[in-house]
Amino acid sequence: MTQRIFHGDITPDDLATALEGEFNRGDLRVTRSGGGDEAVVNIHTPSRRSSGGSTALSMTIQKHEDGVLVALGDQEWLGVAASLGQTALSVFQNPMNILGRLDDVAADVDSLKLPEKVWEAIERFVKSKGASKQISERLRTTACPYCKAANAVGATSCVQCGAPLGSVQPGSCANCGFVNVKEAKFCANCGNKLKDEG
């Protein structure tokens, strides 16, 4: 399961509606449930698909502080693997059989790219709403370790007492958007290596 956090004016219902509009056509169907602070979206092939094997991909979209958290599950790929296996066996029996199975191979390869297509669609929608994986403005404050006054993230010294603030500056992961503490070398959410800031 892959998780990403997007900060900005975006709701789970908005994102679920965008995914439904993007993928509920052609050889794919979208079902969704939930509402309000959580939506579950399932993208799947119909039971009687004209070519290629069956596949499905589910995701949970939850309201998160100043944005949404998207958790994308693992793709169901056994139907696609079975279809590719059937193609391989028929080609092994007679190489000319590949001509009759080209549409199946194309559909199967396209199905295997579904998670990447979903992330691309999510990124496009999020960008269109002005949201991103960067920390939102409301979260861009940090407390002074000495007097506990709120200061803007990036400020070098406290506006109240003048103490240095370098040790308390948070940062967000460029891969998933999770807000990590300054000392973190790897993201606590996705495990990606964080940039060194100095």
N, C-alpha and C. Protein backbone atom coordinates (compact mmCIF):
# COMPACT_ATOMS: atom_id res chain seq x y z
N MET A 1 0.84 -1.17 0.00
CA MET A 1 0.00 0.00 0.00
C MET A 1 0.88 1.24 0.00
N THR A 2 0.58 2.15 -0.90
CA THR A 2 1.32 3.40 -1.02
C THR A 2 0.46 4.55 -0.53
N GLN A 3 1.04 5.41 0.30
CA GLN A 3 0.29 6.55 0.83
C GLN A 3 0.97 7.85 0.44
N ARG A 4 0.15 8.84 0.12
CA ARG A 4 0.65 10.18 -0.15
C ARG A 4 -0.30 11.18 0.49
N ILE A 5 0.25 12.28 0.95
CA ILE A 5 -0.53 13.33 1.58
C ILE A 5 -0.45 14.58 0.71
N PHE A 6 -1.61 15.15 0.42
CA PHE A 6 -1.67 16.38 -0.37
C PHE A 6 -2.26 17.48 0.50
N HIS A 7 -1.55 18.59 0.61
CA HIS A 7 -1.97 19.71 1.44
C HIS A 7 -2.63 20.76 0.57
N GLY A 8 -3.77 21.27 1.01
CA GLY A 8 -4.46 22.33 0.28
C GLY A 8 -5.96 22.19 0.41
N ASP A 9 -6.68 23.02 -0.32
CA ASP A 9 -8.15 23.05 -0.28
C ASP A 9 -8.70 21.96 -1.18
N ILE A 10 -8.75 20.76 -0.66
CA ILE A 10 -9.18 19.59 -1.42
C ILE A 10 -9.90 18.64 -0.47
N THR A 11 -10.98 18.02 -0.95
CA THR A 11 -11.74 17.10 -0.11
C THR A 11 -11.71 15.70 -0.71
N PRO A 12 -11.95 14.67 0.12
CA PRO A 12 -12.00 13.31 -0.41
C PRO A 12 -13.06 13.14 -1.50
N ASP A 13 -14.22 13.80 -1.33
CA ASP A 13 -15.30 13.68 -2.31
C ASP A 13 -14.90 14.30 -3.65
N ASP A 14 -14.21 15.44 -3.62
CA ASP A 14 -13.72 16.08 -4.86
C ASP A 14 -12.79 15.15 -5.62
N LEU A 15 -11.86 14.56 -4.91
CA LEU A 15 -10.88 13.67 -5.55
C LEU A 15 -11.54 12.40 -6.06
N ALA A 16 -12.47 11.84 -5.30
CA ALA A 16 -13.18 10.63 -5.73
C ALA A 16 -14.00 10.91 -6.99
N THR A 17 -14.64 12.06 -7.06
CA THR A 17 -15.41 12.44 -8.24
C THR A 17 -14.50 12.60 -9.46
N ALA A 18 -13.34 13.20 -9.27
CA ALA A 18 -12.38 13.37 -10.37
C ALA A 18 -11.89 12.01 -10.88
N LEU A 19 -11.60 11.08 -9.97
CA LEU A 19 -11.15 9.75 -10.38
C LEU A 19 -12.26 9.00 -11.10
N GLU A 20 -13.49 9.17 -10.64
CA GLU A 20 -14.62 8.53 -11.30
C GLU A 20 -14.77 9.05 -12.72
N GLY A 21 -14.64 10.35 -12.90
CA GLY A 21 -14.72 10.94 -14.23
C GLY A 21 -13.58 10.51 -15.14
N GLU A 22 -12.42 10.32 -14.58
CA GLU A 22 -11.24 9.94 -15.37
C GLU A 22 -11.27 8.48 -15.81
N PHE A 23 -11.69 7.58 -14.92
CA PHE A 23 -11.52 6.15 -15.20
C PHE A 23 -12.82 5.39 -15.49
N ASN A 24 -13.98 5.98 -15.34
CA ASN A 24 -15.24 5.26 -15.57
C ASN A 24 -15.62 5.32 -17.04
N ARG A 25 -14.81 4.71 -17.87
CA ARG A 25 -15.03 4.68 -19.31
C ARG A 25 -14.18 3.59 -19.94
N GLY A 26 -14.47 3.26 -21.18
CA GLY A 26 -13.71 2.24 -21.87
C GLY A 26 -13.77 0.89 -21.18
N ASP A 27 -12.62 0.29 -20.93
CA ASP A 27 -12.55 -1.03 -20.30
C ASP A 27 -12.48 -0.97 -18.79
N LEU A 28 -12.71 0.18 -18.19
CA LEU A 28 -12.64 0.30 -16.74
C LEU A 28 -13.96 0.80 -16.17
N ARG A 29 -14.26 0.38 -14.96
CA ARG A 29 -15.43 0.83 -14.22
C ARG A 29 -14.96 1.33 -12.86
N VAL A 30 -15.69 2.29 -12.31
CA VAL A 30 -15.36 2.84 -11.00
C VAL A 30 -16.56 2.70 -10.08
N THR A 31 -16.31 2.17 -8.90
CA THR A 31 -17.33 2.17 -7.85
C THR A 31 -16.75 2.93 -6.67
N ARG A 32 -17.62 3.65 -5.99
CA ARG A 32 -17.15 4.41 -4.84
C ARG A 32 -18.16 4.34 -3.72
N SER A 33 -17.65 4.47 -2.51
CA SER A 33 -18.51 4.46 -1.33
C SER A 33 -17.94 5.44 -0.33
N GLY A 34 -18.73 5.69 0.70
CA GLY A 34 -18.30 6.64 1.72
C GLY A 34 -18.69 8.05 1.34
N GLY A 35 -18.30 8.96 2.15
CA GLY A 35 -18.62 10.36 1.91
C GLY A 35 -18.13 11.17 3.09
N GLY A 36 -18.17 12.47 2.93
CA GLY A 36 -17.72 13.33 4.02
C GLY A 36 -16.21 13.32 4.15
N ASP A 37 -15.73 12.74 5.25
CA ASP A 37 -14.29 12.75 5.53
C ASP A 37 -13.54 11.55 4.96
N GLU A 38 -14.24 10.61 4.30
CA GLU A 38 -13.56 9.44 3.74
C GLU A 38 -14.30 8.94 2.52
N ALA A 39 -13.55 8.51 1.52
CA ALA A 39 -14.12 7.90 0.32
C ALA A 39 -13.27 6.70 -0.06
N VAL A 40 -13.93 5.65 -0.50
CA VAL A 40 -13.24 4.46 -1.00
C VAL A 40 -13.58 4.34 -2.48
N VAL A 41 -12.55 4.27 -3.31
CA VAL A 41 -12.73 4.20 -4.76
C VAL A 41 -12.12 2.89 -5.24
N ASN A 42 -12.89 2.14 -6.05
CA ASN A 42 -12.42 0.89 -6.63
C ASN A 42 -12.48 1.02 -8.14
N ILE A 43 -11.35 0.88 -8.80
CA ILE A 43 -11.27 0.91 -10.25
C ILE A 43 -11.04 -0.52 -10.71
N HIS A 44 -11.91 -1.02 -11.58
CA HIS A 44 -11.83 -2.43 -11.97
C HIS A 44 -12.29 -2.62 -13.40
N THR A 45 -11.93 -3.75 -13.97
CA THR A 45 -12.41 -4.11 -15.30
C THR A 45 -13.74 -4.82 -15.14
N PRO A 46 -14.65 -4.68 -16.12
CA PRO A 46 -15.93 -5.38 -16.02
C PRO A 46 -15.75 -6.89 -16.08
N SER A 47 -16.74 -7.61 -15.60
CA SER A 47 -16.62 -9.08 -15.55
C SER A 47 -16.55 -9.70 -16.93
N ARG A 48 -17.16 -9.11 -17.91
CA ARG A 48 -17.10 -9.64 -19.28
C ARG A 48 -16.31 -8.68 -20.17
N ARG A 49 -15.05 -8.63 -19.93
CA ARG A 49 -14.16 -7.74 -20.68
C ARG A 49 -13.91 -8.32 -22.07
N SER A 50 -13.89 -7.46 -23.10
CA SER A 50 -13.74 -7.95 -24.47
C SER A 50 -12.35 -8.51 -24.75
N SER A 51 -11.32 -7.94 -24.14
CA SER A 51 -9.98 -8.48 -24.35
C SER A 51 -9.13 -8.21 -23.11
N GLY A 52 -8.16 -9.07 -22.89
CA GLY A 52 -7.27 -8.93 -21.74
C GLY A 52 -7.85 -9.54 -20.48
N GLY A 53 -7.02 -9.64 -19.47
CA GLY A 53 -7.44 -10.22 -18.19
C GLY A 53 -8.06 -9.17 -17.28
N SER A 54 -8.65 -9.65 -16.20
CA SER A 54 -9.30 -8.73 -15.26
C SER A 54 -8.29 -8.17 -14.26
N THR A 55 -8.57 -6.98 -13.78
CA THR A 55 -7.73 -6.33 -12.79
C THR A 55 -8.58 -5.41 -11.94
N ALA A 56 -8.06 -5.03 -10.79
CA ALA A 56 -8.76 -4.10 -9.91
C ALA A 56 -7.73 -3.37 -9.05
N LEU A 57 -8.10 -2.18 -8.62
CA LEU A 57 -7.25 -1.35 -7.78
C LEU A 57 -8.14 -0.52 -6.88
N SER A 58 -7.88 -0.58 -5.58
CA SER A 58 -8.70 0.17 -4.63
C SER A 58 -7.86 1.22 -3.92
N MET A 59 -8.52 2.29 -3.52
CA MET A 59 -7.83 3.33 -2.76
C MET A 59 -8.77 3.94 -1.74
N THR A 60 -8.19 4.41 -0.66
CA THR A 60 -8.93 5.11 0.37
C THR A 60 -8.44 6.55 0.38
N ILE A 61 -9.40 7.46 0.39
CA ILE A 61 -9.07 8.88 0.43
C ILE A 61 -9.68 9.43 1.72
N GLN A 62 -8.83 9.95 2.61
CA GLN A 62 -9.29 10.43 3.91
C GLN A 62 -8.94 11.90 4.09
N LYS A 63 -9.83 12.59 4.79
CA LYS A 63 -9.54 13.97 5.16
C LYS A 63 -8.34 13.96 6.11
N HIS A 64 -7.41 14.84 5.87
CA HIS A 64 -6.19 14.93 6.68
C HIS A 64 -6.02 16.40 7.04
N GLU A 65 -5.22 16.66 8.01
CA GLU A 65 -5.01 18.04 8.42
C GLU A 65 -4.59 18.89 7.22
N ASP A 66 -5.44 19.84 6.86
CA ASP A 66 -5.19 20.73 5.72
C ASP A 66 -5.03 20.00 4.39
N GLY A 67 -5.78 18.95 4.16
CA GLY A 67 -5.72 18.27 2.88
C GLY A 67 -6.30 16.87 2.93
N VAL A 68 -5.74 15.97 2.13
CA VAL A 68 -6.20 14.59 2.08
C VAL A 68 -5.02 13.63 2.12
N LEU A 69 -5.31 12.43 2.61
CA LEU A 69 -4.36 11.33 2.60
C LEU A 69 -4.92 10.30 1.63
N VAL A 70 -4.13 9.91 0.64
CA VAL A 70 -4.54 8.91 -0.35
C VAL A 70 -3.72 7.65 -0.11
N ALA A 71 -4.42 6.54 0.14
CA ALA A 71 -3.76 5.24 0.32
C ALA A 71 -4.18 4.34 -0.84
N LEU A 72 -3.23 4.02 -1.70
CA LEU A 72 -3.49 3.20 -2.88
C LEU A 72 -3.09 1.77 -2.57
N GLY A 73 -4.04 0.84 -2.69
CA GLY A 73 -3.77 -0.56 -2.40
C GLY A 73 -2.97 -1.22 -3.51
N ASP A 74 -2.68 -2.50 -3.32
CA ASP A 74 -1.96 -3.26 -4.34
C ASP A 74 -2.92 -3.67 -5.45
N GLN A 75 -2.43 -3.67 -6.67
CA GLN A 75 -3.26 -4.02 -7.81
C GLN A 75 -3.49 -5.52 -7.86
N GLU A 76 -4.73 -5.90 -8.21
CA GLU A 76 -5.03 -7.31 -8.46
C GLU A 76 -4.55 -7.61 -9.88
N TRP A 77 -3.55 -8.48 -10.00
CA TRP A 77 -2.92 -8.70 -11.29
C TRP A 77 -3.01 -10.15 -11.78
N LEU A 78 -3.61 -11.04 -11.03
CA LEU A 78 -3.65 -12.45 -11.45
C LEU A 78 -4.41 -12.66 -12.75
N GLY A 79 -5.50 -11.92 -12.96
CA GLY A 79 -6.25 -12.04 -14.21
C GLY A 79 -5.42 -11.62 -15.41
N VAL A 80 -4.64 -10.57 -15.24
CA VAL A 80 -3.76 -10.10 -16.30
C VAL A 80 -2.65 -11.12 -16.56
N ALA A 81 -2.09 -11.67 -15.49
CA ALA A 81 -1.04 -12.69 -15.64
C ALA A 81 -1.57 -13.93 -16.34
N ALA A 82 -2.80 -14.33 -16.01
CA ALA A 82 -3.40 -15.50 -16.66
C ALA A 82 -3.61 -15.24 -18.15
N SER A 83 -4.05 -14.04 -18.49
CA SER A 83 -4.25 -13.70 -19.89
C SER A 83 -2.93 -13.68 -20.66
N LEU A 84 -1.89 -13.12 -20.05
CA LEU A 84 -0.57 -13.13 -20.70
C LEU A 84 -0.03 -14.55 -20.83
N GLY A 85 -0.28 -15.38 -19.83
CA GLY A 85 0.12 -16.79 -19.90
C GLY A 85 -0.59 -17.53 -21.01
N GLN A 86 -1.89 -17.25 -21.16
CA GLN A 86 -2.66 -17.87 -22.24
C GLN A 86 -2.09 -17.45 -23.60
N THR A 87 -1.72 -16.19 -23.72
CA THR A 87 -1.12 -15.70 -24.96
C THR A 87 0.20 -16.41 -25.23
N ALA A 88 1.03 -16.55 -24.20
CA ALA A 88 2.33 -17.22 -24.36
C ALA A 88 2.15 -18.67 -24.80
N LEU A 89 1.19 -19.37 -24.20
CA LEU A 89 0.95 -20.77 -24.59
C LEU A 89 0.46 -20.88 -26.03
N SER A 90 -0.45 -19.99 -26.42
CA SER A 90 -0.96 -20.07 -27.79
C SER A 90 0.13 -19.73 -28.81
N VAL A 91 1.01 -18.80 -28.47
CA VAL A 91 2.12 -18.45 -29.37
C VAL A 91 3.14 -19.58 -29.42
N PHE A 92 3.33 -20.27 -28.30
CA PHE A 92 4.24 -21.41 -28.27
C PHE A 92 3.73 -22.52 -29.19
N GLN A 93 2.41 -22.73 -29.23
CA GLN A 93 1.83 -23.75 -30.10
C GLN A 93 1.94 -23.36 -31.57
N ASN A 94 1.67 -22.08 -31.85
CA ASN A 94 1.74 -21.59 -33.22
C ASN A 94 2.08 -20.10 -33.17
N PRO A 95 3.27 -19.71 -33.61
CA PRO A 95 3.67 -18.31 -33.53
C PRO A 95 2.70 -17.33 -34.21
N MET A 96 1.95 -17.80 -35.19
CA MET A 96 1.00 -16.92 -35.86
C MET A 96 -0.19 -16.55 -34.96
N ASN A 97 -0.38 -17.28 -33.86
CA ASN A 97 -1.47 -16.97 -32.93
C ASN A 97 -1.32 -15.60 -32.28
N ILE A 98 -0.10 -15.06 -32.32
CA ILE A 98 0.12 -13.74 -31.72
C ILE A 98 -0.75 -12.68 -32.41
N LEU A 99 -1.00 -12.87 -33.70
CA LEU A 99 -1.82 -11.90 -34.43
C LEU A 99 -3.23 -11.82 -33.86
N GLY A 100 -3.77 -12.96 -33.44
CA GLY A 100 -5.12 -12.97 -32.87
C GLY A 100 -5.16 -12.52 -31.42
N ARG A 101 -4.01 -12.41 -30.78
CA ARG A 101 -3.98 -12.04 -29.36
C ARG A 101 -3.36 -10.66 -29.11
N LEU A 102 -3.08 -9.91 -30.16
CA LEU A 102 -2.46 -8.59 -29.98
C LEU A 102 -3.32 -7.66 -29.13
N ASP A 103 -4.65 -7.70 -29.33
CA ASP A 103 -5.51 -6.83 -28.53
C ASP A 103 -5.48 -7.23 -27.05
N ASP A 104 -5.36 -8.55 -26.78
CA ASP A 104 -5.26 -9.01 -25.39
C ASP A 104 -3.95 -8.54 -24.75
N VAL A 105 -2.86 -8.64 -25.50
CA VAL A 105 -1.56 -8.22 -24.98
C VAL A 105 -1.58 -6.72 -24.70
N ALA A 106 -2.12 -5.94 -25.64
CA ALA A 106 -2.18 -4.48 -25.45
C ALA A 106 -3.03 -4.13 -24.23
N ALA A 107 -4.17 -4.79 -24.07
CA ALA A 107 -5.04 -4.53 -22.92
C ALA A 107 -4.36 -4.92 -21.61
N ASP A 108 -3.63 -6.04 -21.63
CA ASP A 108 -2.94 -6.49 -20.41
C ASP A 108 -1.82 -5.54 -20.01
N VAL A 109 -1.03 -5.10 -20.98
CA VAL A 109 0.05 -4.16 -20.69
C VAL A 109 -0.53 -2.84 -20.18
N ASP A 110 -1.63 -2.40 -20.78
CA ASP A 110 -2.29 -1.18 -20.33
C ASP A 110 -2.82 -1.33 -18.90
N SER A 111 -3.35 -2.51 -18.57
CA SER A 111 -3.86 -2.76 -17.22
C SER A 111 -2.75 -2.74 -16.18
N LEU A 112 -1.56 -3.21 -16.55
CA LEU A 112 -0.45 -3.23 -15.60
C LEU A 112 0.04 -1.82 -15.26
N LYS A 113 -0.30 -0.85 -16.11
CA LYS A 113 0.10 0.55 -15.86
C LYS A 113 -0.94 1.31 -15.04
N LEU A 114 -1.99 0.63 -14.56
CA LEU A 114 -3.08 1.30 -13.86
C LEU A 114 -2.64 2.11 -12.63
N PRO A 115 -1.79 1.57 -11.73
CA PRO A 115 -1.39 2.39 -10.58
C PRO A 115 -0.69 3.69 -10.97
N GLU A 116 0.18 3.64 -11.98
CA GLU A 116 0.86 4.86 -12.42
C GLU A 116 -0.13 5.85 -13.00
N LYS A 117 -1.12 5.35 -13.77
CA LYS A 117 -2.13 6.23 -14.34
C LYS A 117 -2.98 6.88 -13.25
N VAL A 118 -3.28 6.12 -12.20
CA VAL A 118 -4.07 6.68 -11.10
C VAL A 118 -3.29 7.79 -10.40
N TRP A 119 -2.02 7.55 -10.09
CA TRP A 119 -1.22 8.60 -9.44
C TRP A 119 -1.10 9.83 -10.33
N GLU A 120 -0.94 9.63 -11.64
CA GLU A 120 -0.86 10.77 -12.56
C GLU A 120 -2.15 11.57 -12.54
N ALA A 121 -3.30 10.87 -12.54
CA ALA A 121 -4.60 11.55 -12.51
C ALA A 121 -4.78 12.31 -11.20
N ILE A 122 -4.36 11.70 -10.09
CA ILE A 122 -4.45 12.37 -8.79
C ILE A 122 -3.58 13.62 -8.77
N GLU A 123 -2.34 13.49 -9.25
CA GLU A 123 -1.41 14.63 -9.28
C GLU A 123 -1.97 15.77 -10.14
N ARG A 124 -2.57 15.43 -11.30
CA ARG A 124 -3.15 16.46 -12.17
C ARG A 124 -4.29 17.19 -11.46
N PHE A 125 -5.18 16.41 -10.81
CA PHE A 125 -6.31 17.02 -10.12
C PHE A 125 -5.84 17.90 -8.97
N VAL A 126 -4.92 17.38 -8.19
CA VAL A 126 -4.41 18.12 -7.04
C VAL A 126 -3.77 19.44 -7.50
N LYS A 127 -3.00 19.37 -8.57
CA LYS A 127 -2.36 20.57 -9.10
C LYS A 127 -3.41 21.57 -9.59
N SER A 128 -4.49 21.08 -10.20
CA SER A 128 -5.54 21.97 -10.70
C SER A 128 -6.27 22.69 -9.57
N LYS A 129 -6.27 22.09 -8.38
CA LYS A 129 -6.91 22.71 -7.21
C LYS A 129 -5.94 23.57 -6.41
N GLY A 130 -4.71 23.69 -6.86
CA GLY A 130 -3.72 24.50 -6.16
C GLY A 130 -3.15 23.83 -4.92
N ALA A 131 -3.35 22.53 -4.79
CA ALA A 131 -2.81 21.78 -3.65
C ALA A 131 -1.49 21.14 -4.08
N SER A 132 -0.73 20.63 -3.10
CA SER A 132 0.54 19.97 -3.41
C SER A 132 0.97 19.11 -2.23
N LYS A 133 2.15 18.50 -2.38
CA LYS A 133 2.71 17.70 -1.29
C LYS A 133 3.52 18.57 -0.33
N GLN A 134 3.62 19.86 -0.61
CA GLN A 134 4.33 20.77 0.28
C GLN A 134 3.45 21.08 1.49
N ILE A 135 4.05 21.45 2.59
CA ILE A 135 3.32 21.78 3.81
C ILE A 135 2.42 22.98 3.53
N SER A 136 1.17 22.92 3.98
CA SER A 136 0.24 24.03 3.76
C SER A 136 0.65 25.23 4.61
N GLU A 137 0.10 26.39 4.26
CA GLU A 137 0.44 27.63 4.98
C GLU A 137 0.10 27.54 6.47
N ARG A 138 -1.04 26.92 6.82
CA ARG A 138 -1.45 26.83 8.21
C ARG A 138 -0.47 26.00 9.03
N LEU A 139 0.13 24.99 8.37
CA LEU A 139 1.10 24.16 9.08
C LEU A 139 2.50 24.77 9.07
N ARG A 140 2.65 25.91 8.45
CA ARG A 140 3.97 26.53 8.34
C ARG A 140 4.33 27.39 9.55
N THR A 141 3.94 26.93 10.71
CA THR A 141 4.37 27.59 11.94
C THR A 141 5.04 26.56 12.83
N THR A 142 5.95 27.02 13.64
CA THR A 142 6.65 26.15 14.56
C THR A 142 6.76 26.87 15.90
N ALA A 143 6.77 26.10 16.97
CA ALA A 143 6.83 26.69 18.31
C ALA A 143 8.28 26.87 18.75
N CYS A 144 8.54 27.99 19.36
CA CYS A 144 9.87 28.27 19.92
C CYS A 144 10.11 27.30 21.08
N PRO A 145 11.26 26.62 21.11
CA PRO A 145 11.51 25.66 22.19
C PRO A 145 11.69 26.33 23.56
N TYR A 146 11.89 27.64 23.58
CA TYR A 146 12.13 28.34 24.85
C TYR A 146 10.86 29.00 25.40
N CYS A 147 10.17 29.79 24.57
CA CYS A 147 9.00 30.52 25.07
C CYS A 147 7.67 30.00 24.51
N LYS A 148 7.72 29.02 23.60
CA LYS A 148 6.54 28.39 22.99
C LYS A 148 5.73 29.32 22.09
N ALA A 149 6.27 30.44 21.67
CA ALA A 149 5.58 31.36 20.77
C ALA A 149 5.56 30.77 19.36
N ALA A 150 4.48 31.02 18.60
CA ALA A 150 4.37 30.56 17.22
C ALA A 150 5.23 31.43 16.32
N ASN A 151 5.99 30.77 15.45
CA ASN A 151 6.86 31.45 14.50
C ASN A 151 6.67 30.83 13.13
N ALA A 152 6.89 31.60 12.08
CA ALA A 152 6.78 31.08 10.73
C ALA A 152 7.89 30.07 10.49
N VAL A 153 7.55 29.00 9.74
CA VAL A 153 8.57 28.03 9.37
C VAL A 153 9.59 28.75 8.50
N GLY A 154 10.85 28.56 8.77
CA GLY A 154 11.92 29.21 8.04
C GLY A 154 12.49 30.42 8.76
N ALA A 155 11.79 30.89 9.79
CA ALA A 155 12.32 32.02 10.57
C ALA A 155 13.57 31.57 11.31
N THR A 156 14.58 32.42 11.32
CA THR A 156 15.85 32.05 11.96
C THR A 156 15.84 32.28 13.46
N SER A 157 15.01 33.24 13.91
CA SER A 157 14.94 33.50 15.35
C SER A 157 13.50 33.79 15.77
N CYS A 158 13.21 33.55 17.03
CA CYS A 158 11.87 33.72 17.58
C CYS A 158 11.47 35.19 17.59
N VAL A 159 10.22 35.45 17.18
CA VAL A 159 9.72 36.83 17.17
C VAL A 159 9.48 37.35 18.58
N GLN A 160 9.28 36.45 19.53
CA GLN A 160 8.99 36.84 20.92
C GLN A 160 10.26 37.05 21.75
N CYS A 161 11.12 36.01 21.76
CA CYS A 161 12.28 36.08 22.67
C CYS A 161 13.63 36.17 21.95
N GLY A 162 13.65 36.00 20.61
CA GLY A 162 14.89 36.12 19.86
C GLY A 162 15.76 34.87 19.84
N ALA A 163 15.28 33.76 20.42
CA ALA A 163 16.06 32.51 20.45
C ALA A 163 16.19 31.93 19.04
N PRO A 164 17.29 31.19 18.76
CA PRO A 164 17.45 30.56 17.45
C PRO A 164 16.43 29.44 17.25
N LEU A 165 15.92 29.30 16.00
CA LEU A 165 14.88 28.31 15.70
C LEU A 165 15.34 27.22 14.74
N GLY A 166 16.61 27.15 14.42
CA GLY A 166 17.10 26.17 13.45
C GLY A 166 16.81 24.73 13.80
N SER A 167 16.76 24.40 15.08
CA SER A 167 16.58 23.01 15.48
C SER A 167 15.14 22.54 15.45
N VAL A 168 14.17 23.42 15.20
CA VAL A 168 12.76 23.01 15.26
C VAL A 168 12.04 23.16 13.93
N GLN A 169 12.76 23.36 12.85
CA GLN A 169 12.12 23.55 11.55
C GLN A 169 11.71 22.21 10.94
N PRO A 170 10.40 21.98 10.69
CA PRO A 170 9.97 20.73 10.06
C PRO A 170 10.13 20.81 8.54
N GLY A 171 9.93 19.71 7.89
CA GLY A 171 9.97 19.67 6.43
C GLY A 171 9.03 18.59 5.93
N SER A 172 8.64 18.69 4.66
CA SER A 172 7.76 17.66 4.11
C SER A 172 8.52 16.82 3.10
N CYS A 173 8.13 15.56 3.00
CA CYS A 173 8.75 14.62 2.06
C CYS A 173 8.34 14.99 0.64
N ALA A 174 9.28 15.08 -0.26
CA ALA A 174 8.98 15.42 -1.65
C ALA A 174 8.24 14.29 -2.36
N ASN A 175 8.34 13.07 -1.85
CA ASN A 175 7.69 11.92 -2.47
C ASN A 175 6.23 11.78 -2.05
N CYS A 176 5.94 11.85 -0.74
CA CYS A 176 4.58 11.57 -0.27
C CYS A 176 3.91 12.73 0.44
N GLY A 177 4.63 13.80 0.76
CA GLY A 177 4.04 14.97 1.40
C GLY A 177 3.94 14.90 2.91
N PHE A 178 4.44 13.85 3.52
CA PHE A 178 4.36 13.69 4.98
C PHE A 178 5.27 14.70 5.66
N VAL A 179 4.78 15.31 6.75
CA VAL A 179 5.57 16.29 7.50
C VAL A 179 6.45 15.55 8.49
N ASN A 180 7.76 15.71 8.36
CA ASN A 180 8.73 15.03 9.21
C ASN A 180 9.46 16.02 10.11
N VAL A 181 10.01 15.53 11.21
CA VAL A 181 10.82 16.37 12.08
C VAL A 181 12.16 16.66 11.40
N LYS A 182 12.82 17.71 11.82
CA LYS A 182 14.07 18.14 11.18
C LYS A 182 15.15 17.07 11.21
N GLU A 183 15.24 16.32 12.31
CA GLU A 183 16.32 15.34 12.47
C GLU A 183 16.15 14.11 11.58
N ALA A 184 14.99 13.92 10.99
CA ALA A 184 14.71 12.72 10.21
C ALA A 184 15.60 12.66 8.97
N LYS A 185 16.17 11.50 8.73
CA LYS A 185 16.96 11.26 7.52
C LYS A 185 16.12 10.59 6.45
N PHE A 186 15.08 9.83 6.92
CA PHE A 186 14.17 9.13 6.02
C PHE A 186 12.74 9.48 6.41
N CYS A 187 11.85 9.48 5.44
CA CYS A 187 10.45 9.81 5.70
C CYS A 187 9.81 8.73 6.58
N ALA A 188 9.08 9.16 7.60
CA ALA A 188 8.42 8.22 8.50
C ALA A 188 7.24 7.54 7.84
N ASN A 189 6.74 8.07 6.72
CA ASN A 189 5.59 7.49 6.04
C ASN A 189 6.00 6.53 4.92
N CYS A 190 6.86 6.99 4.00
CA CYS A 190 7.19 6.17 2.83
C CYS A 190 8.61 5.62 2.83
N GLY A 191 9.47 6.08 3.73
CA GLY A 191 10.83 5.56 3.81
C GLY A 191 11.81 6.21 2.85
N ASN A 192 11.36 7.18 2.05
CA ASN A 192 12.25 7.86 1.11
C ASN A 192 13.32 8.65 1.85
N LYS A 193 14.51 8.74 1.26
CA LYS A 193 15.58 9.55 1.85
C LYS A 193 15.21 11.02 1.71
N LEU A 194 15.33 11.75 2.82
CA LEU A 194 15.01 13.17 2.81
C LEU A 194 16.23 13.98 2.42
N LYS A 195 16.00 15.15 1.82
CA LYS A 195 17.10 16.03 1.44
C LYS A 195 17.78 16.58 2.68
N ASP A 196 19.11 16.66 2.62
CA ASP A 196 19.85 17.31 3.70
C ASP A 196 19.80 18.81 3.45
N GLU A 197 19.44 19.56 4.47
CA GLU A 197 19.28 21.01 4.35
C GLU A 197 20.50 21.76 4.84
N GLY A 198 21.64 21.20 4.82
CA GLY A 198 22.76 21.99 5.30
C GLY A 198 24.00 21.30 5.20
